[in-house]
Amino acid sequence: MADELFVHPRLAALYDPLDPDRGDLEPYVRLAEEFGARRVLDIGCGTGVFALLLADRGIEVVGVDPARASLDVARAKPGGDRVRWIHGDAATLPPLRVDLVTLTANAAQEIVDPGDWEATLHGAHEALRPGGQLVFETRDPARRAWETWNRESSHRVTEIPDVGPVETWVEVTEIVGPLVSFRWTYVFRRDGQVLTSDSTLRFRERQEAEADLTAQGFVVREVRGAPDRPGRELVLIARRPGPAPRRR
């Protein structure tokens, strides 16, 4: 089940204006180029920012997301008709054969249930051609990012065209083992509406993430840091075994 931030139409429309700097996606674009990927599956594509970056480069992209409101935002963007959008998740994909599967923007952490995570990795494995790559990022639990998720550190007011000023902040509501739950609050000052979105993320240790990949038949190739967030993120690169097709 997707969070209100992604499924409520009014909140989904705010996702990009509230986070306009997407420099975190550039390393993924470079990875797609490094791997020579011509077909990409973007799991948890959200409002389609990354999928459209790839489509702009002539790459064939399939974006899948369980939040219909986010997909509606993605489809309405310039170039949205160049991406194949699927409302659903990685466990219910049609037959695909892609060169690269991605989960950007910590989308992997939003899949907290072990069974759902196993199904996601299995779906990614099935969608990849032999020799294809899976890439996803996850926050390093050792950095305890949630300690700054409080109103004092996060409160801001953003002026959004055609919407007016929107006041936002986040607060942690519960921590249970590797699961961190938190609530975003959105105040639309123009009409006074207050909306909230509750989320839970799973902070996986590197060993857990690598073991999960191995259990689904992947070979872990490399674990990198995120260039724009040094020391805070783990970027895992795994490969579906098998020979890559010859280039013509």
Protein backbone atom coordinates (compact mmCIF):
# COMPACT_ATOMS: atom_id res chain seq x y z
CA MET A 1 0.00 0.00 0.00
CA ALA A 2 1.50 3.33 -1.06
CA ASP A 3 1.66 6.28 1.33
CA GLU A 4 -0.80 9.17 1.15
CA LEU A 5 1.99 11.35 -0.24
CA PHE A 6 1.85 9.29 -3.41
CA VAL A 7 -1.82 8.30 -3.64
CA HIS A 8 -3.63 11.52 -2.65
CA PRO A 9 -3.94 13.64 -5.81
CA ARG A 10 -3.28 16.93 -4.01
CA LEU A 11 -0.13 15.57 -2.33
CA ALA A 12 1.14 13.72 -5.40
CA ALA A 13 1.02 17.03 -7.29
CA LEU A 14 3.32 18.55 -4.64
CA TYR A 15 6.01 15.87 -4.82
CA ASP A 16 8.12 17.53 -7.53
CA PRO A 17 7.66 21.19 -6.48
CA LEU A 18 8.69 20.35 -2.90
CA ASP A 19 11.80 18.49 -4.07
CA PRO A 20 12.90 20.14 -7.32
CA ASP A 21 16.61 19.31 -7.07
CA ARG A 22 16.94 15.75 -8.41
CA GLY A 23 20.69 15.61 -8.68
CA ASP A 24 20.44 12.25 -6.90
CA LEU A 25 19.24 10.74 -10.20
CA GLU A 26 22.23 11.74 -12.31
CA PRO A 27 24.41 8.84 -11.07
CA TYR A 28 21.67 6.44 -12.19
CA VAL A 29 21.62 8.02 -15.63
CA ARG A 30 25.39 7.55 -15.82
CA LEU A 31 25.02 3.92 -14.72
CA ALA A 32 22.50 3.28 -17.50
CA GLU A 33 25.02 4.71 -19.94
CA GLU A 34 27.87 2.72 -18.37
CA PHE A 35 25.92 -0.51 -18.78
CA GLY A 36 24.79 0.38 -22.30
CA ALA A 37 21.18 -0.17 -21.24
CA ARG A 38 18.61 0.22 -24.01
CA ARG A 39 15.61 -1.08 -22.03
CA VAL A 40 15.03 -0.11 -18.39
CA LEU A 41 12.44 -1.07 -15.79
CA ASP A 42 12.01 1.63 -13.12
CA ILE A 43 10.32 0.12 -10.05
CA GLY A 44 8.61 2.67 -7.82
CA CYS A 45 8.80 5.26 -10.60
CA GLY A 46 6.57 7.74 -8.75
CA THR A 47 5.99 10.92 -10.71
CA GLY A 48 8.30 9.70 -13.46
CA VAL A 49 11.28 12.06 -13.14
CA PHE A 50 13.92 9.36 -13.68
CA ALA A 51 11.95 7.46 -16.31
CA LEU A 52 11.60 10.63 -18.38
CA LEU A 53 15.30 11.46 -18.02
CA LEU A 54 16.05 8.07 -19.60
CA ALA A 55 13.37 8.44 -22.29
CA ASP A 56 14.92 11.78 -23.25
CA ARG A 57 18.08 9.82 -24.07
CA GLY A 58 16.26 7.42 -26.36
CA ILE A 59 16.05 4.58 -23.84
CA GLU A 60 12.94 2.38 -23.80
CA VAL A 61 11.48 2.68 -20.29
CA VAL A 62 8.80 0.87 -18.33
CA GLY A 63 7.76 2.61 -15.10
CA VAL A 64 5.75 0.72 -12.48
CA ASP A 65 4.21 2.15 -9.32
CA PRO A 66 1.31 1.21 -7.01
CA ALA A 67 0.19 4.85 -6.64
CA ARG A 68 -2.21 5.85 -9.40
CA ALA A 69 -2.11 9.55 -8.49
CA SER A 70 1.68 9.64 -8.94
CA LEU A 71 1.37 7.90 -12.30
CA ASP A 72 -1.24 10.44 -13.37
CA VAL A 73 1.30 13.20 -12.66
CA ALA A 74 3.95 11.29 -14.63
CA ARG A 75 1.70 10.71 -17.66
CA ALA A 76 0.79 14.39 -17.85
CA LYS A 77 4.40 15.57 -18.12
CA PRO A 78 5.99 16.51 -21.45
CA GLY A 79 7.20 13.29 -23.06
CA GLY A 80 5.03 11.16 -20.79
CA ASP A 81 3.72 9.25 -23.79
CA ARG A 82 7.21 7.88 -24.46
CA VAL A 83 7.19 5.76 -21.30
CA ARG A 84 5.12 2.65 -20.68
CA TRP A 85 3.46 3.28 -17.31
CA ILE A 86 2.12 0.33 -15.29
CA HIS A 87 -0.10 0.70 -12.24
CA GLY A 88 1.00 -2.11 -9.96
CA ASP A 89 4.17 -3.58 -8.50
CA ALA A 90 7.12 -5.74 -9.49
CA ALA A 91 5.33 -8.92 -8.43
CA THR A 92 2.62 -8.57 -11.10
CA LEU A 93 4.56 -7.40 -14.16
CA PRO A 94 3.83 -8.58 -17.70
CA PRO A 95 6.64 -10.47 -19.45
CA LEU A 96 9.65 -8.17 -19.95
CA ARG A 97 13.27 -8.47 -21.01
CA VAL A 98 15.18 -5.39 -19.87
CA ASP A 99 18.86 -4.57 -19.53
CA LEU A 100 18.56 -2.66 -16.26
CA VAL A 101 16.16 -2.52 -13.30
CA THR A 102 16.30 0.45 -10.94
CA LEU A 103 14.78 1.50 -7.62
CA THR A 104 15.80 5.12 -7.11
CA ALA A 105 15.13 7.64 -4.31
CA ASN A 106 15.27 4.97 -1.61
CA ALA A 107 12.21 3.24 -3.06
CA ALA A 108 13.67 -0.07 -1.87
CA GLN A 109 13.32 1.05 1.75
CA GLU A 110 9.59 1.62 1.32
CA ILE A 111 9.12 -2.12 0.76
CA VAL A 112 9.22 -3.12 4.41
CA ASP A 113 7.53 -6.52 4.46
CA PRO A 114 10.06 -9.33 3.86
CA GLY A 115 7.62 -11.22 1.64
CA ASP A 116 6.94 -8.14 -0.48
CA TRP A 117 10.67 -7.43 -0.77
CA GLU A 118 11.32 -11.02 -1.83
CA ALA A 119 8.57 -10.74 -4.46
CA THR A 120 10.02 -7.45 -5.71
CA LEU A 121 13.50 -8.92 -6.15
CA HIS A 122 12.03 -12.00 -7.82
CA GLY A 123 10.05 -9.79 -10.20
CA ALA A 124 13.15 -7.78 -11.02
CA HIS A 125 15.12 -10.98 -11.68
CA GLU A 126 12.42 -12.28 -14.00
CA ALA A 127 12.22 -8.99 -15.90
CA LEU A 128 15.97 -8.85 -16.55
CA ARG A 129 17.64 -10.52 -19.49
CA PRO A 130 20.56 -12.83 -18.57
CA GLY A 131 23.50 -10.57 -17.79
CA GLY A 132 21.22 -7.63 -16.93
CA GLN A 133 21.78 -5.41 -13.89
CA LEU A 134 19.73 -4.39 -10.86
CA VAL A 135 20.62 -1.17 -9.04
CA PHE A 136 19.06 0.27 -5.91
CA GLU A 137 20.05 2.49 -3.01
CA THR A 138 19.38 2.29 0.69
CA ARG A 139 20.37 4.58 3.54
CA ASP A 140 23.23 3.27 5.69
CA PRO A 141 21.63 2.47 9.08
CA ALA A 142 24.86 3.41 10.84
CA ARG A 143 24.28 7.06 9.92
CA ARG A 144 20.91 7.11 11.80
CA ALA A 145 19.31 9.54 9.34
CA TRP A 146 16.03 9.50 11.27
CA GLU A 147 17.59 11.49 14.12
CA THR A 148 17.12 14.68 12.05
CA TRP A 149 13.53 13.87 11.08
CA ASN A 150 11.88 16.34 13.42
CA ARG A 151 9.90 19.54 13.11
CA GLU A 152 12.77 21.78 14.17
CA SER A 153 15.05 20.49 11.40
CA SER A 154 12.47 20.03 8.64
CA HIS A 155 9.90 22.83 8.98
CA ARG A 156 9.59 25.08 5.95
CA VAL A 157 7.09 27.05 3.90
CA THR A 158 7.25 26.68 0.12
CA GLU A 159 5.47 28.95 -2.35
CA ILE A 160 4.06 26.75 -5.11
CA PRO A 161 2.61 28.22 -8.32
CA ASP A 162 -1.19 27.93 -8.55
CA VAL A 163 -1.27 26.42 -5.04
CA GLY A 164 0.12 29.12 -2.78
CA PRO A 165 2.26 28.68 0.34
CA VAL A 166 2.48 25.13 1.70
CA GLU A 167 3.86 24.51 5.18
CA THR A 168 5.56 21.14 5.72
CA TRP A 169 7.41 19.22 8.43
CA VAL A 170 8.22 15.64 9.42
CA GLU A 171 8.30 13.85 12.77
CA VAL A 172 9.31 10.30 13.69
CA THR A 173 6.41 8.40 15.26
CA GLU A 174 7.93 4.98 16.04
CA ILE A 175 11.14 2.97 15.78
CA VAL A 176 10.95 -0.81 15.97
CA GLY A 177 14.15 -2.63 15.07
CA PRO A 178 15.04 -1.77 11.45
CA LEU A 179 11.65 -0.08 10.86
CA VAL A 180 11.35 3.69 11.24
CA SER A 181 7.89 5.24 10.99
CA PHE A 182 7.29 8.96 10.51
CA ARG A 183 4.58 11.44 9.56
CA TRP A 184 4.74 14.33 7.09
CA THR A 185 2.29 17.17 7.67
CA TYR A 186 1.16 19.52 4.88
CA VAL A 187 -0.71 22.76 5.58
CA PHE A 188 -2.23 24.51 2.57
CA ARG A 189 -2.29 28.07 3.79
CA ARG A 190 -4.51 29.35 0.99
CA ASP A 191 -7.53 27.26 2.08
CA GLY A 192 -6.38 25.91 5.45
CA GLN A 193 -6.52 22.22 4.53
CA VAL A 194 -4.20 19.99 6.56
CA LEU A 195 -3.12 16.63 5.16
CA THR A 196 -0.78 14.04 6.63
CA SER A 197 1.15 11.12 5.15
CA ASP A 198 2.42 8.26 7.33
CA SER A 199 5.39 6.24 6.12
CA THR A 200 7.59 3.40 7.31
CA LEU A 201 11.05 2.62 5.96
CA ARG A 202 13.21 -0.45 6.49
CA PHE A 203 16.87 0.30 7.17
CA ARG A 204 18.67 -2.77 5.81
CA GLU A 205 22.23 -3.52 6.78
CA ARG A 206 24.54 -4.18 3.85
CA GLN A 207 24.81 -7.87 4.76
CA GLU A 208 21.02 -8.24 4.82
CA ALA A 209 20.61 -6.58 1.43
CA GLU A 210 23.35 -8.72 -0.14
CA ALA A 211 21.87 -11.91 1.33
CA ASP A 212 18.42 -11.03 -0.02
CA LEU A 213 19.87 -10.52 -3.49
CA THR A 214 21.79 -13.78 -3.41
CA ALA A 215 18.69 -15.68 -2.26
CA GLN A 216 16.86 -14.48 -5.41
CA GLY A 217 19.60 -15.63 -7.76
CA PHE A 218 21.53 -12.38 -8.17
CA VAL A 219 25.28 -12.00 -8.07
CA VAL A 220 26.28 -8.88 -6.13
CA ARG A 221 28.83 -7.07 -8.27
CA GLU A 222 29.55 -3.98 -6.25
CA VAL A 223 28.41 -1.75 -3.41
CA ARG A 224 29.10 1.93 -4.00
CA GLY A 225 28.38 5.15 -2.18
CA ALA A 226 26.01 7.72 -3.62
CA PRO A 227 28.18 10.50 -5.11
CA ASP A 228 25.83 13.26 -3.97
CA ARG A 229 25.43 11.82 -0.44
CA PRO A 230 28.90 10.47 0.46
CA GLY A 231 28.95 8.15 3.45
CA ARG A 232 25.17 8.15 3.85
CA GLU A 233 23.90 5.75 1.17
CA LEU A 234 24.68 2.26 -0.05
CA VAL A 235 24.18 1.71 -3.79
CA LEU A 236 23.98 -1.99 -4.59
CA ILE A 237 24.68 -3.28 -8.08
CA ALA A 238 23.71 -6.89 -8.78
CA ARG A 239 23.63 -8.99 -11.92
CA ARG A 240 21.35 -11.72 -13.18
CA PRO A 241 23.77 -14.52 -14.16
CA GLY A 242 24.07 -15.46 -17.79
CA PRO A 243 25.87 -14.23 -20.86
CA ALA A 244 25.03 -10.80 -22.20
CA PRO A 245 23.76 -10.77 -25.80
CA ARG A 246 26.27 -9.88 -28.48
CA ARG A 247 26.12 -6.34 -29.80
CA ARG A 248 25.43 -5.94 -33.47
